[in-house]
mmCIF file of all heavy atoms, coordinates in Angstrom:
data_MODEL
# 
_entry.id   MODEL 
# 
loop_
_atom_site.group_PDB 
_atom_site.id 
_atom_site.type_symbol 
_atom_site.label_atom_id 
_atom_site.label_alt_id 
_atom_site.label_comp_id 
_atom_site.label_asym_id 
_atom_site.label_entity_id 
_atom_site.label_seq_id 
_atom_site.pdbx_PDB_ins_code 
_atom_site.Cartn_x 
_atom_site.Cartn_y 
_atom_site.Cartn_z 
_atom_site.occupancy 
_atom_site.B_iso_or_equiv 
_atom_site.pdbx_formal_charge 
_atom_site.auth_seq_id 
_atom_site.auth_comp_id 
_atom_site.auth_asym_id 
_atom_site.auth_atom_id 
_atom_site.pdbx_PDB_model_num 
ATOM 1   N N   . TYR A 1 1  ? 82.798 134.241 -166.125 1.00 0.00 ? 1  TYR A N   1 
ATOM 2   C CA  . TYR A 1 1  ? 81.426 134.007 -166.570 1.00 0.00 ? 1  TYR A CA  1 
ATOM 3   C C   . TYR A 1 1  ? 80.726 132.882 -165.819 1.00 0.00 ? 1  TYR A C   1 
ATOM 4   O O   . TYR A 1 1  ? 79.575 132.575 -166.108 1.00 0.00 ? 1  TYR A O   1 
ATOM 5   C CB  . TYR A 1 1  ? 81.421 133.722 -168.078 1.00 0.00 ? 1  TYR A CB  1 
ATOM 6   C CG  . TYR A 1 1  ? 81.845 134.933 -168.863 1.00 0.00 ? 1  TYR A CG  1 
ATOM 7   C CD1 . TYR A 1 1  ? 83.112 135.011 -169.438 1.00 0.00 ? 1  TYR A CD1 1 
ATOM 8   C CD2 . TYR A 1 1  ? 81.000 136.020 -169.004 1.00 0.00 ? 1  TYR A CD2 1 
ATOM 9   C CE1 . TYR A 1 1  ? 83.510 136.124 -170.138 1.00 0.00 ? 1  TYR A CE1 1 
ATOM 10  C CE2 . TYR A 1 1  ? 81.391 137.142 -169.709 1.00 0.00 ? 1  TYR A CE2 1 
ATOM 11  C CZ  . TYR A 1 1  ? 82.641 137.186 -170.270 1.00 0.00 ? 1  TYR A CZ  1 
ATOM 12  O OH  . TYR A 1 1  ? 83.035 138.301 -170.959 1.00 0.00 ? 1  TYR A OH  1 
ATOM 13  N N   . ASN A 1 2  ? 81.426 132.269 -164.867 1.00 0.00 ? 2  ASN A N   1 
ATOM 14  C CA  . ASN A 1 2  ? 80.868 131.211 -164.026 1.00 0.00 ? 2  ASN A CA  1 
ATOM 15  C C   . ASN A 1 2  ? 80.286 130.075 -164.873 1.00 0.00 ? 2  ASN A C   1 
ATOM 16  O O   . ASN A 1 2  ? 79.127 129.679 -164.723 1.00 0.00 ? 2  ASN A O   1 
ATOM 17  C CB  . ASN A 1 2  ? 79.800 131.785 -163.085 1.00 0.00 ? 2  ASN A CB  1 
ATOM 18  C CG  . ASN A 1 2  ? 79.470 130.833 -161.968 1.00 0.00 ? 2  ASN A CG  1 
ATOM 19  O OD1 . ASN A 1 2  ? 80.293 130.001 -161.591 1.00 0.00 ? 2  ASN A OD1 1 
ATOM 20  N ND2 . ASN A 1 2  ? 78.274 130.949 -161.434 1.00 0.00 ? 2  ASN A ND2 1 
ATOM 21  N N   . VAL A 1 3  ? 81.101 129.578 -165.801 1.00 0.00 ? 3  VAL A N   1 
ATOM 22  C CA  . VAL A 1 3  ? 80.716 128.470 -166.669 1.00 0.00 ? 3  VAL A CA  1 
ATOM 23  C C   . VAL A 1 3  ? 81.809 127.409 -166.627 1.00 0.00 ? 3  VAL A C   1 
ATOM 24  O O   . VAL A 1 3  ? 82.896 127.642 -166.121 1.00 0.00 ? 3  VAL A O   1 
ATOM 25  C CB  . VAL A 1 3  ? 80.493 128.937 -168.138 1.00 0.00 ? 3  VAL A CB  1 
ATOM 26  C CG1 . VAL A 1 3  ? 79.289 129.853 -168.229 1.00 0.00 ? 3  VAL A CG1 1 
ATOM 27  C CG2 . VAL A 1 3  ? 81.721 129.594 -168.698 1.00 0.00 ? 3  VAL A CG2 1 
ATOM 28  N N   . SER A 1 4  ? 81.507 126.232 -167.173 1.00 0.00 ? 4  SER A N   1 
ATOM 29  C CA  . SER A 1 4  ? 82.490 125.153 -167.169 1.00 0.00 ? 4  SER A CA  1 
ATOM 30  C C   . SER A 1 4  ? 83.477 125.327 -168.321 1.00 0.00 ? 4  SER A C   1 
ATOM 31  O O   . SER A 1 4  ? 83.252 126.111 -169.244 1.00 0.00 ? 4  SER A O   1 
ATOM 32  C CB  . SER A 1 4  ? 81.779 123.801 -167.301 1.00 0.00 ? 4  SER A CB  1 
ATOM 33  O OG  . SER A 1 4  ? 81.257 123.664 -168.600 1.00 0.00 ? 4  SER A OG  1 
ATOM 34  N N   . TRP A 1 5  ? 84.540 124.545 -168.279 1.00 0.00 ? 5  TRP A N   1 
ATOM 35  C CA  . TRP A 1 5  ? 85.550 124.629 -169.342 1.00 0.00 ? 5  TRP A CA  1 
ATOM 36  C C   . TRP A 1 5  ? 84.968 124.173 -170.666 1.00 0.00 ? 5  TRP A C   1 
ATOM 37  O O   . TRP A 1 5  ? 85.374 124.640 -171.721 1.00 0.00 ? 5  TRP A O   1 
ATOM 38  C CB  . TRP A 1 5  ? 86.796 123.819 -168.969 1.00 0.00 ? 5  TRP A CB  1 
ATOM 39  C CG  . TRP A 1 5  ? 86.555 122.337 -168.863 1.00 0.00 ? 5  TRP A CG  1 
ATOM 40  C CD1 . TRP A 1 5  ? 86.201 121.651 -167.742 1.00 0.00 ? 5  TRP A CD1 1 
ATOM 41  C CD2 . TRP A 1 5  ? 86.645 121.381 -169.908 1.00 0.00 ? 5  TRP A CD2 1 
ATOM 42  N NE1 . TRP A 1 5  ? 86.064 120.324 -168.025 1.00 0.00 ? 5  TRP A NE1 1 
ATOM 43  C CE2 . TRP A 1 5  ? 86.335 120.121 -169.353 1.00 0.00 ? 5  TRP A CE2 1 
ATOM 44  C CE3 . TRP A 1 5  ? 86.960 121.444 -171.254 1.00 0.00 ? 5  TRP A CE3 1 
ATOM 45  C CZ2 . TRP A 1 5  ? 86.315 118.952 -170.094 1.00 0.00 ? 5  TRP A CZ2 1 
ATOM 46  C CZ3 . TRP A 1 5  ? 86.946 120.266 -171.988 1.00 0.00 ? 5  TRP A CZ3 1 
ATOM 47  C CH2 . TRP A 1 5  ? 86.629 119.054 -171.421 1.00 0.00 ? 5  TRP A CH2 1 
ATOM 48  N N   . ARG A 1 6  ? 83.984 123.268 -170.631 1.00 0.00 ? 6  ARG A N   1 
ATOM 49  C CA  . ARG A 1 6  ? 83.354 122.815 -171.876 1.00 0.00 ? 6  ARG A CA  1 
ATOM 50  C C   . ARG A 1 6  ? 82.629 123.962 -172.572 1.00 0.00 ? 6  ARG A C   1 
ATOM 51  O O   . ARG A 1 6  ? 82.682 124.099 -173.792 1.00 0.00 ? 6  ARG A O   1 
ATOM 52  C CB  . ARG A 1 6  ? 82.369 121.682 -171.588 1.00 0.00 ? 6  ARG A CB  1 
ATOM 53  C CG  . ARG A 1 6  ? 83.029 120.378 -171.259 1.00 0.00 ? 6  ARG A CG  1 
ATOM 54  C CD  . ARG A 1 6  ? 81.983 119.279 -171.084 1.00 0.00 ? 6  ARG A CD  1 
ATOM 55  N NE  . ARG A 1 6  ? 82.604 118.013 -170.806 1.00 0.00 ? 6  ARG A NE  1 
ATOM 56  C CZ  . ARG A 1 6  ? 82.863 117.548 -169.592 1.00 0.00 ? 6  ARG A CZ  1 
ATOM 57  N NH1 . ARG A 1 6  ? 82.527 118.264 -168.530 1.00 0.00 ? 6  ARG A NH1 1 
ATOM 58  N NH2 . ARG A 1 6  ? 83.440 116.376 -169.422 1.00 0.00 ? 6  ARG A NH2 1 
ATOM 59  N N   . THR A 1 7  ? 81.920 124.780 -171.786 1.00 0.00 ? 7  THR A N   1 
ATOM 60  C CA  . THR A 1 7  ? 81.198 125.919 -172.357 1.00 0.00 ? 7  THR A CA  1 
ATOM 61  C C   . THR A 1 7  ? 82.172 126.913 -172.967 1.00 0.00 ? 7  THR A C   1 
ATOM 62  O O   . THR A 1 7  ? 81.938 127.440 -174.064 1.00 0.00 ? 7  THR A O   1 
ATOM 63  C CB  . THR A 1 7  ? 80.342 126.605 -171.276 1.00 0.00 ? 7  THR A CB  1 
ATOM 64  O OG1 . THR A 1 7  ? 79.465 125.634 -170.700 1.00 0.00 ? 7  THR A OG1 1 
ATOM 65  C CG2 . THR A 1 7  ? 79.536 127.737 -171.858 1.00 0.00 ? 7  THR A CG2 1 
ATOM 66  N N   . VAL A 1 8  ? 83.275 127.168 -172.280 1.00 0.00 ? 8  VAL A N   1 
ATOM 67  C CA  . VAL A 1 8  ? 84.285 128.090 -172.812 1.00 0.00 ? 8  VAL A CA  1 
ATOM 68  C C   . VAL A 1 8  ? 84.858 127.536 -174.107 1.00 0.00 ? 8  VAL A C   1 
ATOM 69  O O   . VAL A 1 8  ? 84.996 128.247 -175.109 1.00 0.00 ? 8  VAL A O   1 
ATOM 70  C CB  . VAL A 1 8  ? 85.404 128.345 -171.781 1.00 0.00 ? 8  VAL A CB  1 
ATOM 71  C CG1 . VAL A 1 8  ? 86.526 129.171 -172.389 1.00 0.00 ? 8  VAL A CG1 1 
ATOM 72  C CG2 . VAL A 1 8  ? 84.844 129.036 -170.551 1.00 0.00 ? 8  VAL A CG2 1 
ATOM 73  N N   . ARG A 1 9  ? 85.153 126.251 -174.136 1.00 0.00 ? 9  ARG A N   1 
ATOM 74  C CA  . ARG A 1 9  ? 85.708 125.626 -175.340 1.00 0.00 ? 9  ARG A CA  1 
ATOM 75  C C   . ARG A 1 9  ? 84.719 125.712 -176.505 1.00 0.00 ? 9  ARG A C   1 
ATOM 76  O O   . ARG A 1 9  ? 85.081 126.043 -177.611 1.00 0.00 ? 9  ARG A O   1 
ATOM 77  C CB  . ARG A 1 9  ? 86.052 124.153 -175.031 1.00 0.00 ? 9  ARG A CB  1 
ATOM 78  C CG  . ARG A 1 9  ? 86.486 123.306 -176.202 1.00 0.00 ? 9  ARG A CG  1 
ATOM 79  C CD  . ARG A 1 9  ? 87.668 123.816 -176.986 1.00 0.00 ? 9  ARG A CD  1 
ATOM 80  N NE  . ARG A 1 9  ? 88.815 124.058 -176.169 1.00 0.00 ? 9  ARG A NE  1 
ATOM 81  C CZ  . ARG A 1 9  ? 89.829 124.864 -176.535 1.00 0.00 ? 9  ARG A CZ  1 
ATOM 82  N NH1 . ARG A 1 9  ? 89.823 125.462 -177.706 1.00 0.00 ? 9  ARG A NH1 1 
ATOM 83  N NH2 . ARG A 1 9  ? 90.845 125.057 -175.744 1.00 0.00 ? 9  ARG A NH2 1 
ATOM 84  N N   . LYS A 1 10 ? 83.438 125.435 -176.248 1.00 0.00 ? 10 LYS A N   1 
ATOM 85  C CA  . LYS A 1 10 ? 82.425 125.524 -177.299 1.00 0.00 ? 10 LYS A CA  1 
ATOM 86  C C   . LYS A 1 10 ? 82.293 126.959 -177.811 1.00 0.00 ? 10 LYS A C   1 
ATOM 87  O O   . LYS A 1 10 ? 82.116 127.184 -179.010 1.00 0.00 ? 10 LYS A O   1 
ATOM 88  C CB  . LYS A 1 10 ? 81.070 125.040 -176.776 1.00 0.00 ? 10 LYS A CB  1 
ATOM 89  C CG  . LYS A 1 10 ? 80.976 123.551 -176.601 1.00 0.00 ? 10 LYS A CG  1 
ATOM 90  C CD  . LYS A 1 10 ? 79.613 123.177 -176.045 1.00 0.00 ? 10 LYS A CD  1 
ATOM 91  C CE  . LYS A 1 10 ? 79.526 121.704 -175.723 1.00 0.00 ? 10 LYS A CE  1 
ATOM 92  N NZ  . LYS A 1 10 ? 78.210 121.354 -175.135 1.00 0.00 ? 10 LYS A NZ  1 
ATOM 93  N N   . ALA A 1 11 ? 82.349 127.929 -176.899 1.00 0.00 ? 11 ALA A N   1 
ATOM 94  C CA  . ALA A 1 11 ? 82.216 129.328 -177.298 1.00 0.00 ? 11 ALA A CA  1 
ATOM 95  C C   . ALA A 1 11 ? 83.394 129.768 -178.148 1.00 0.00 ? 11 ALA A C   1 
ATOM 96  O O   . ALA A 1 11 ? 83.233 130.514 -179.117 1.00 0.00 ? 11 ALA A O   1 
ATOM 97  C CB  . ALA A 1 11 ? 82.103 130.216 -176.062 1.00 0.00 ? 11 ALA A CB  1 
ATOM 98  N N   . VAL A 1 12 ? 84.590 129.314 -177.817 1.00 0.00 ? 12 VAL A N   1 
ATOM 99  C CA  . VAL A 1 12 ? 85.782 129.696 -178.581 1.00 0.00 ? 12 VAL A CA  1 
ATOM 100 C C   . VAL A 1 12 ? 85.785 129.000 -179.945 1.00 0.00 ? 12 VAL A C   1 
ATOM 101 O O   . VAL A 1 12 ? 86.168 129.597 -180.957 1.00 0.00 ? 12 VAL A O   1 
ATOM 102 C CB  . VAL A 1 12 ? 87.061 129.347 -177.774 1.00 0.00 ? 12 VAL A CB  1 
ATOM 103 C CG1 . VAL A 1 12 ? 88.308 129.516 -178.623 1.00 0.00 ? 12 VAL A CG1 1 
ATOM 104 C CG2 . VAL A 1 12 ? 87.140 130.231 -176.532 1.00 0.00 ? 12 VAL A CG2 1 
ATOM 105 N N   . ASP A 1 13 ? 85.328 127.764 -179.998 1.00 0.00 ? 13 ASP A N   1 
ATOM 106 C CA  . ASP A 1 13 ? 85.348 127.002 -181.246 1.00 0.00 ? 13 ASP A CA  1 
ATOM 107 C C   . ASP A 1 13 ? 84.235 127.378 -182.214 1.00 0.00 ? 13 ASP A C   1 
ATOM 108 O O   . ASP A 1 13 ? 84.403 127.262 -183.426 1.00 0.00 ? 13 ASP A O   1 
ATOM 109 C CB  . ASP A 1 13 ? 85.240 125.498 -180.953 1.00 0.00 ? 13 ASP A CB  1 
ATOM 110 C CG  . ASP A 1 13 ? 86.501 124.961 -180.296 1.00 0.00 ? 13 ASP A CG  1 
ATOM 111 O OD1 . ASP A 1 13 ? 87.540 125.659 -180.347 1.00 0.00 ? 13 ASP A OD1 1 
ATOM 112 O OD2 . ASP A 1 13 ? 86.444 123.851 -179.731 1.00 0.00 ? 13 ASP A OD2 1 
ATOM 113 N N   . SER A 1 14 ? 83.081 127.803 -181.710 1.00 0.00 ? 14 SER A N   1 
ATOM 114 C CA  . SER A 1 14 ? 81.926 128.035 -182.574 1.00 0.00 ? 14 SER A CA  1 
ATOM 115 C C   . SER A 1 14 ? 81.291 129.382 -182.276 1.00 0.00 ? 14 SER A C   1 
ATOM 116 O O   . SER A 1 14 ? 81.200 129.798 -181.118 1.00 0.00 ? 14 SER A O   1 
ATOM 117 C CB  . SER A 1 14 ? 80.894 126.930 -182.349 1.00 0.00 ? 14 SER A CB  1 
ATOM 118 O OG  . SER A 1 14 ? 79.715 127.214 -183.052 1.00 0.00 ? 14 SER A OG  1 
ATOM 119 N N   . ALA A 1 15 ? 80.829 130.069 -183.324 1.00 0.00 ? 15 ALA A N   1 
ATOM 120 C CA  . ALA A 1 15 ? 80.200 131.370 -183.144 1.00 0.00 ? 15 ALA A CA  1 
ATOM 121 C C   . ALA A 1 15 ? 78.788 131.240 -182.581 1.00 0.00 ? 15 ALA A C   1 
ATOM 122 O O   . ALA A 1 15 ? 78.303 132.141 -181.909 1.00 0.00 ? 15 ALA A O   1 
ATOM 123 C CB  . ALA A 1 15 ? 80.152 132.119 -184.468 1.00 0.00 ? 15 ALA A CB  1 
ATOM 124 N N   . TRP A 1 16 ? 78.112 130.132 -182.863 1.00 0.00 ? 16 TRP A N   1 
ATOM 125 C CA  . TRP A 1 16 ? 76.730 129.947 -182.425 1.00 0.00 ? 16 TRP A CA  1 
ATOM 126 C C   . TRP A 1 16 ? 76.633 128.755 -181.487 1.00 0.00 ? 16 TRP A C   1 
ATOM 127 O O   . TRP A 1 16 ? 77.259 127.723 -181.710 1.00 0.00 ? 16 TRP A O   1 
ATOM 128 C CB  . TRP A 1 16 ? 75.817 129.699 -183.622 1.00 0.00 ? 16 TRP A CB  1 
ATOM 129 C CG  . TRP A 1 16 ? 75.741 130.868 -184.525 1.00 0.00 ? 16 TRP A CG  1 
ATOM 130 C CD1 . TRP A 1 16 ? 76.429 131.051 -185.676 1.00 0.00 ? 16 TRP A CD1 1 
ATOM 131 C CD2 . TRP A 1 16 ? 74.976 132.039 -184.332 1.00 0.00 ? 16 TRP A CD2 1 
ATOM 132 N NE1 . TRP A 1 16 ? 76.135 132.261 -186.226 1.00 0.00 ? 16 TRP A NE1 1 
ATOM 133 C CE2 . TRP A 1 16 ? 75.229 132.895 -185.425 1.00 0.00 ? 16 TRP A CE2 1 
ATOM 134 C CE3 . TRP A 1 16 ? 74.080 132.463 -183.353 1.00 0.00 ? 16 TRP A CE3 1 
ATOM 135 C CZ2 . TRP A 1 16 ? 74.633 134.137 -185.557 1.00 0.00 ? 16 TRP A CZ2 1 
ATOM 136 C CZ3 . TRP A 1 16 ? 73.487 133.698 -183.488 1.00 0.00 ? 16 TRP A CZ3 1 
ATOM 137 C CH2 . TRP A 1 16 ? 73.759 134.521 -184.566 1.00 0.00 ? 16 TRP A CH2 1 
ATOM 138 N N   . PRO A 1 17 ? 75.814 128.869 -180.441 1.00 0.00 ? 17 PRO A N   1 
ATOM 139 C CA  . PRO A 1 17 ? 75.590 127.717 -179.564 1.00 0.00 ? 17 PRO A CA  1 
ATOM 140 C C   . PRO A 1 17 ? 74.803 126.634 -180.300 1.00 0.00 ? 17 PRO A C   1 
ATOM 141 O O   . PRO A 1 17 ? 74.128 126.900 -181.287 1.00 0.00 ? 17 PRO A O   1 
ATOM 142 C CB  . PRO A 1 17 ? 74.767 128.285 -178.408 1.00 0.00 ? 17 PRO A CB  1 
ATOM 143 C CG  . PRO A 1 17 ? 74.310 129.619 -178.826 1.00 0.00 ? 17 PRO A CG  1 
ATOM 144 C CD  . PRO A 1 17 ? 75.126 130.066 -179.984 1.00 0.00 ? 17 PRO A CD  1 
ATOM 145 N N   . GLU A 1 18 ? 74.898 125.413 -179.800 1.00 0.00 ? 18 GLU A N   1 
ATOM 146 C CA  . GLU A 1 18 ? 74.161 124.300 -180.395 1.00 0.00 ? 18 GLU A CA  1 
ATOM 147 C C   . GLU A 1 18 ? 72.665 124.541 -180.224 1.00 0.00 ? 18 GLU A C   1 
ATOM 148 O O   . GLU A 1 18 ? 72.229 125.070 -179.204 1.00 0.00 ? 18 GLU A O   1 
ATOM 149 C CB  . GLU A 1 18 ? 74.527 122.993 -179.689 1.00 0.00 ? 18 GLU A CB  1 
ATOM 150 C CG  . GLU A 1 18 ? 75.966 122.590 -179.850 1.00 0.00 ? 18 GLU A CG  1 
ATOM 151 C CD  . GLU A 1 18 ? 76.298 121.364 -179.020 1.00 0.00 ? 18 GLU A CD  1 
ATOM 152 O OE1 . GLU A 1 18 ? 75.409 120.852 -178.302 1.00 0.00 ? 18 GLU A OE1 1 
ATOM 153 O OE2 . GLU A 1 18 ? 77.449 120.935 -179.082 1.00 0.00 ? 18 GLU A OE2 1 
ATOM 154 N N   . PRO A 1 19 ? 71.861 124.153 -181.214 1.00 0.00 ? 19 PRO A N   1 
ATOM 155 C CA  . PRO A 1 19 ? 70.405 124.317 -181.045 1.00 0.00 ? 19 PRO A CA  1 
ATOM 156 C C   . PRO A 1 19 ? 69.897 123.398 -179.942 1.00 0.00 ? 19 PRO A C   1 
ATOM 157 O O   . PRO A 1 19 ? 70.491 122.362 -179.648 1.00 0.00 ? 19 PRO A O   1 
ATOM 158 C CB  . PRO A 1 19 ? 69.834 123.915 -182.401 1.00 0.00 ? 19 PRO A CB  1 
ATOM 159 C CG  . PRO A 1 19 ? 70.896 123.123 -183.068 1.00 0.00 ? 19 PRO A CG  1 
ATOM 160 C CD  . PRO A 1 19 ? 72.208 123.582 -182.502 1.00 0.00 ? 19 PRO A CD  1 
ATOM 161 N N   . ARG A 1 20 ? 68.787 123.796 -179.335 1.00 0.00 ? 20 ARG A N   1 
ATOM 162 C CA  . ARG A 1 20 ? 68.205 122.988 -178.269 1.00 0.00 ? 20 ARG A CA  1 
ATOM 163 C C   . ARG A 1 20 ? 67.671 121.676 -178.812 1.00 0.00 ? 20 ARG A C   1 
ATOM 164 O O   . ARG A 1 20 ? 67.177 121.616 -179.922 1.00 0.00 ? 20 ARG A O   1 
ATOM 165 C CB  . ARG A 1 20 ? 67.048 123.728 -177.604 1.00 0.00 ? 20 ARG A CB  1 
ATOM 166 C CG  . ARG A 1 20 ? 67.499 124.846 -176.737 1.00 0.00 ? 20 ARG A CG  1 
ATOM 167 C CD  . ARG A 1 20 ? 66.302 125.498 -176.092 1.00 0.00 ? 20 ARG A CD  1 
ATOM 168 N NE  . ARG A 1 20 ? 66.768 126.283 -174.971 1.00 0.00 ? 20 ARG A NE  1 
ATOM 169 C CZ  . ARG A 1 20 ? 66.146 126.366 -173.813 1.00 0.00 ? 20 ARG A CZ  1 
ATOM 170 N NH1 . ARG A 1 20 ? 65.019 125.730 -173.641 1.00 0.00 ? 20 ARG A NH1 1 
ATOM 171 N NH2 . ARG A 1 20 ? 66.635 127.094 -172.854 1.00 0.00 ? 20 ARG A NH2 1 
ATOM 172 N N   . LYS A 1 21 ? 67.745 120.650 -178.005 1.00 0.00 ? 21 LYS A N   1 
ATOM 173 C CA  . LYS A 1 21 ? 67.217 119.351 -178.393 1.00 0.00 ? 21 LYS A CA  1 
ATOM 174 C C   . LYS A 1 21 ? 65.695 119.378 -178.225 1.00 0.00 ? 21 LYS A C   1 
ATOM 175 O O   . LYS A 1 21 ? 65.173 119.929 -177.261 1.00 0.00 ? 21 LYS A O   1 
ATOM 176 C CB  . LYS A 1 21 ? 67.772 118.257 -177.494 1.00 0.00 ? 21 LYS A CB  1 
ATOM 177 C CG  . LYS A 1 21 ? 69.243 118.044 -177.620 1.00 0.00 ? 21 LYS A CG  1 
ATOM 178 C CD  . LYS A 1 21 ? 69.694 116.972 -176.647 1.00 0.00 ? 21 LYS A CD  1 
ATOM 179 C CE  . LYS A 1 21 ? 71.201 116.842 -176.656 1.00 0.00 ? 21 LYS A CE  1 
ATOM 180 N NZ  . LYS A 1 21 ? 71.649 115.906 -175.622 1.00 0.00 ? 21 LYS A NZ  1 
ATOM 181 N N   . ASN A 1 22 ? 64.988 118.751 -179.158 1.00 0.00 ? 22 ASN A N   1 
ATOM 182 C CA  . ASN A 1 22 ? 63.552 118.580 -179.018 1.00 0.00 ? 22 ASN A CA  1 
ATOM 183 C C   . ASN A 1 22 ? 63.292 117.297 -178.253 1.00 0.00 ? 22 ASN A C   1 
ATOM 184 O O   . ASN A 1 22 ? 63.608 116.208 -178.735 1.00 0.00 ? 22 ASN A O   1 
ATOM 185 C CB  . ASN A 1 22 ? 62.871 118.530 -180.391 1.00 0.00 ? 22 ASN A CB  1 
ATOM 186 C CG  . ASN A 1 22 ? 62.892 119.872 -181.070 1.00 0.00 ? 22 ASN A CG  1 
ATOM 187 O OD1 . ASN A 1 22 ? 62.918 120.895 -180.418 1.00 0.00 ? 22 ASN A OD1 1 
ATOM 188 N ND2 . ASN A 1 22 ? 62.872 119.869 -182.385 1.00 0.00 ? 22 ASN A ND2 1 
ATOM 189 N N   . LEU A 1 23 ? 62.736 117.430 -177.071 1.00 0.00 ? 23 LEU A N   1 
ATOM 190 C CA  . LEU A 1 23 ? 62.466 116.277 -176.239 1.00 0.00 ? 23 LEU A CA  1 
ATOM 191 C C   . LEU A 1 23 ? 61.119 115.676 -176.615 1.00 0.00 ? 23 LEU A C   1 
ATOM 192 O O   . LEU A 1 23 ? 60.201 116.396 -177.010 1.00 0.00 ? 23 LEU A O   1 
ATOM 193 C CB  . LEU A 1 23 ? 62.450 116.684 -174.767 1.00 0.00 ? 23 LEU A CB  1 
ATOM 194 C CG  . LEU A 1 23 ? 63.759 117.245 -174.228 1.00 0.00 ? 23 LEU A CG  1 
ATOM 195 C CD1 . LEU A 1 23 ? 63.583 117.701 -172.789 1.00 0.00 ? 23 LEU A CD1 1 
ATOM 196 C CD2 . LEU A 1 23 ? 64.851 116.199 -174.306 1.00 0.00 ? 23 LEU A CD2 1 
ATOM 197 N N   . PRO A 1 24 ? 60.972 114.375 -176.479 1.00 0.00 ? 24 PRO A N   1 
ATOM 198 C CA  . PRO A 1 24 ? 59.674 113.767 -176.768 1.00 0.00 ? 24 PRO A CA  1 
ATOM 199 C C   . PRO A 1 24 ? 58.654 114.218 -175.726 1.00 0.00 ? 24 PRO A C   1 
ATOM 200 O O   . PRO A 1 24 ? 59.017 114.512 -174.580 1.00 0.00 ? 24 PRO A O   1 
ATOM 201 C CB  . PRO A 1 24 ? 59.947 112.260 -176.651 1.00 0.00 ? 24 PRO A CB  1 
ATOM 202 C CG  . PRO A 1 24 ? 61.163 112.154 -175.811 1.00 0.00 ? 24 PRO A CG  1 
ATOM 203 C CD  . PRO A 1 24 ? 61.972 113.397 -176.064 1.00 0.00 ? 24 PRO A CD  1 
ATOM 204 N N   . PRO A 1 25 ? 57.376 114.301 -176.099 1.00 0.00 ? 25 PRO A N   1 
ATOM 205 C CA  . PRO A 1 25 ? 56.367 114.729 -175.131 1.00 0.00 ? 25 PRO A CA  1 
ATOM 206 C C   . PRO A 1 25 ? 56.268 113.740 -173.973 1.00 0.00 ? 25 PRO A C   1 
ATOM 207 O O   . PRO A 1 25 ? 56.356 112.530 -174.166 1.00 0.00 ? 25 PRO A O   1 
ATOM 208 C CB  . PRO A 1 25 ? 55.073 114.773 -175.938 1.00 0.00 ? 25 PRO A CB  1 
ATOM 209 C CG  . PRO A 1 25 ? 55.342 114.015 -177.180 1.00 0.00 ? 25 PRO A CG  1 
ATOM 210 C CD  . PRO A 1 25 ? 56.825 114.017 -177.400 1.00 0.00 ? 25 PRO A CD  1 
ATOM 211 N N   . ARG A 1 26 ? 56.113 114.289 -172.789 1.00 0.00 ? 26 ARG A N   1 
ATOM 212 C CA  . ARG A 1 26 ? 56.019 113.447 -171.599 1.00 0.00 ? 26 ARG A CA  1 
ATOM 213 C C   . ARG A 1 26 ? 54.590 112.967 -171.390 1.00 0.00 ? 26 ARG A C   1 
ATOM 214 O O   . ARG A 1 26 ? 53.643 113.655 -171.738 1.00 0.00 ? 26 ARG A O   1 
ATOM 215 C CB  . ARG A 1 26 ? 56.438 114.240 -170.364 1.00 0.00 ? 26 ARG A CB  1 
ATOM 216 C CG  . ARG A 1 26 ? 57.919 114.379 -170.247 1.00 0.00 ? 26 ARG A CG  1 
ATOM 217 C CD  . ARG A 1 26 ? 58.265 114.866 -168.874 1.00 0.00 ? 26 ARG A CD  1 
ATOM 218 N NE  . ARG A 1 26 ? 58.632 116.262 -168.974 1.00 0.00 ? 26 ARG A NE  1 
ATOM 219 C CZ  . ARG A 1 26 ? 58.761 117.077 -167.958 1.00 0.00 ? 26 ARG A CZ  1 
ATOM 220 N NH1 . ARG A 1 26 ? 58.517 116.650 -166.749 1.00 0.00 ? 26 ARG A NH1 1 
ATOM 221 N NH2 . ARG A 1 26 ? 59.104 118.314 -168.137 1.00 0.00 ? 26 ARG A NH2 1 
# 
């Protein structure tokens, strides 16, 4: 899947990806 080991670990551990962070307006 051309992803890092962290992404694979997160996918195996959790059914849903983390929600996106809301960045402050620039």
